[in-house]
C-alpha cells in the first residue's frame, strides 16, 4: 500500500461522524507512515509529523478544515549533500465541497491566490490526509542547507586585465561604432 493510500485512508473522516459543533483532532504519523512519506517526497527522512485540526460543518453539505501541521524533515543539502534537518510548519485552511458543487476552474483574469482552496467530498469522506500530504510537500524547504554549508564565491578577473565593470564592454562597443 502506498503512503498516499495509507494516510488518505487512515486520515479521512466520514461526514456523518462529524458533530454539528465540529470536530477537533490531533494526529501523529506512525513510524511506517513517516518512512513512506519520506520515500514519496523523495527526501532522506520525515522524523515527525504532527497535525492539529478542526473540521466545522458549513451550510449546503460543506465542511471547513483549519489547523496546523508541524514536521521535522531531513533533506540533502544543496551545497554538500550532507543531511540538513529542518522544522516545517504550515497552516491548513481548506473547504470540502460536494463534487457537484465545486467552483469552475480559475479564469485567466483571476489568480489562484484570489480564490479559497476547495477539495471534493468523495463517498461522503473528507480526505484530510491528502490535504496534509500536499501541505507538507509545499512547505518543504526548496534549497535546504546543512549547518555551515556555503558556496565558495570567487570572482573571475576580467579577460583584458581591467576592472570588473559590466558596462566596460559596452563602452568600447559604442566607441567603435561612432
Foldseek 3Di string as FASTA:
>chain_A
DALLCVLLVVVKDQLVPADQAWDKDKDKDDPVSFVRLCVVLVFDTWPIKIWIWIWHDDPPGKIWIWTKIWTWGWGQAPQHRPTFIDIWMDIDTEMEDAPVPDDDDDDPVDDPVVDGHYDYQDPSMDRVSVSSSVRVSVGDDPHGHHPPGDDDDDDDQDPVNDDPDPCPVVVVVVVVVD
